[in-house]
């Protein structure tokens, strides 16, 4: 009996997800296989886990074509939020 092999790239996607989750723990990371897009989602409450208020803009959803593109957007949001505190 042969084993079912995962589609090409599944391991790479899993590794990229794990890396993003490790770097941005307050975000849920999603890769949609049908569109190939990457998403980062969090609630406003998760954005404020440290108890400090953020500026007026609270980002709760991001998307990008690639994991690296999503990482860049997540870093930008993190920098913006750090400056607003």
Protein backbone atom coordinates (compact mmCIF):
# COMPACT_ATOMS: atom_id res chain seq x y z
CA UNK A 1 0.00 0.00 0.00
CA UNK A 2 1.44 3.38 -0.94
CA UNK A 3 1.37 6.41 1.31
CA UNK A 4 -0.50 9.51 0.22
CA UNK A 5 2.03 12.22 -0.53
CA UNK A 6 1.24 15.82 0.39
CA UNK A 7 1.04 18.27 -2.50
CA UNK A 8 4.33 19.91 -3.41
CA UNK A 9 5.00 22.88 -1.18
CA UNK A 10 2.89 21.78 1.80
CA UNK A 11 5.95 21.38 4.00
CA UNK A 12 7.29 24.76 2.89
CA UNK A 13 3.97 26.44 3.67
CA UNK A 14 3.87 24.80 7.11
CA UNK A 15 7.40 25.99 7.83
CA UNK A 16 6.59 29.54 6.73
CA UNK A 17 3.43 29.55 8.89
CA UNK A 18 5.38 28.34 11.91
CA UNK A 19 8.01 31.04 11.41
CA UNK A 20 5.38 33.78 11.13
CA UNK A 21 3.51 32.48 14.19
CA UNK A 22 6.76 32.41 16.14
CA UNK A 23 7.59 35.99 15.23
CA UNK A 24 4.06 37.39 15.54
CA UNK A 25 2.39 35.43 18.33
CA UNK A 26 -0.68 37.66 18.68
CA UNK A 27 -1.71 36.96 15.09
CA UNK A 28 -3.38 33.94 13.53
CA UNK A 29 -1.62 33.06 10.27
CA UNK A 30 -3.57 31.51 7.39
CA UNK A 31 -2.51 30.38 3.93
CA UNK A 32 -5.33 29.67 1.51
CA UNK A 33 -4.36 26.93 -0.88
CA UNK A 34 -7.05 27.80 -3.43
CA UNK A 35 -5.80 31.37 -3.94
CA UNK A 36 -2.26 31.03 -2.59
CA UNK A 37 -2.75 34.15 -0.46
CA UNK A 38 -1.46 34.72 3.06
CA UNK A 39 -3.52 36.26 5.87
CA UNK A 40 -2.83 37.51 9.38
CA UNK A 41 -5.84 38.00 11.63
CA UNK A 42 -6.26 39.11 15.25
CA UNK A 43 -8.92 40.62 17.45
CA UNK A 44 -8.65 44.14 18.86
CA UNK A 45 -8.27 42.53 22.28
CA UNK A 46 -5.23 40.55 21.11
CA UNK A 47 -3.75 43.77 19.73
CA UNK A 48 -3.90 45.19 23.25
CA UNK A 49 -2.72 42.19 25.28
CA UNK A 50 -0.08 44.17 27.12
CA UNK A 51 -2.77 46.46 28.57
CA UNK A 52 -1.52 49.65 26.97
CA UNK A 53 -3.79 51.58 24.66
CA UNK A 54 -2.82 51.85 21.05
CA UNK A 55 -3.41 54.79 18.75
CA UNK A 56 -6.76 55.25 17.03
CA UNK A 57 -5.88 52.79 14.25
CA UNK A 58 -5.91 49.15 15.26
CA UNK A 59 -5.10 46.76 12.45
CA UNK A 60 -6.87 43.40 12.77
CA UNK A 61 -6.40 41.87 9.31
CA UNK A 62 -3.62 41.83 6.73
CA UNK A 63 -3.12 39.91 3.50
CA UNK A 64 -0.33 39.44 0.99
CA UNK A 65 0.67 37.35 -2.00
CA UNK A 66 3.65 35.79 -0.21
CA UNK A 67 4.79 34.89 3.30
CA UNK A 68 7.58 37.47 3.00
CA UNK A 69 5.08 40.11 1.93
CA UNK A 70 2.92 39.32 4.94
CA UNK A 71 5.96 39.44 7.23
CA UNK A 72 6.81 42.92 5.92
CA UNK A 73 3.27 44.15 6.58
CA UNK A 74 3.25 42.62 10.07
CA UNK A 75 6.56 44.30 10.90
CA UNK A 76 5.21 47.63 9.66
CA UNK A 77 2.15 47.32 11.90
CA UNK A 78 4.35 46.33 14.86
CA UNK A 79 6.57 49.38 14.30
CA UNK A 80 3.55 51.69 13.96
CA UNK A 81 2.04 50.32 17.16
CA UNK A 82 5.33 50.61 19.05
CA UNK A 83 5.50 54.28 18.07
CA UNK A 84 1.90 54.88 19.19
CA UNK A 85 2.48 53.64 22.73
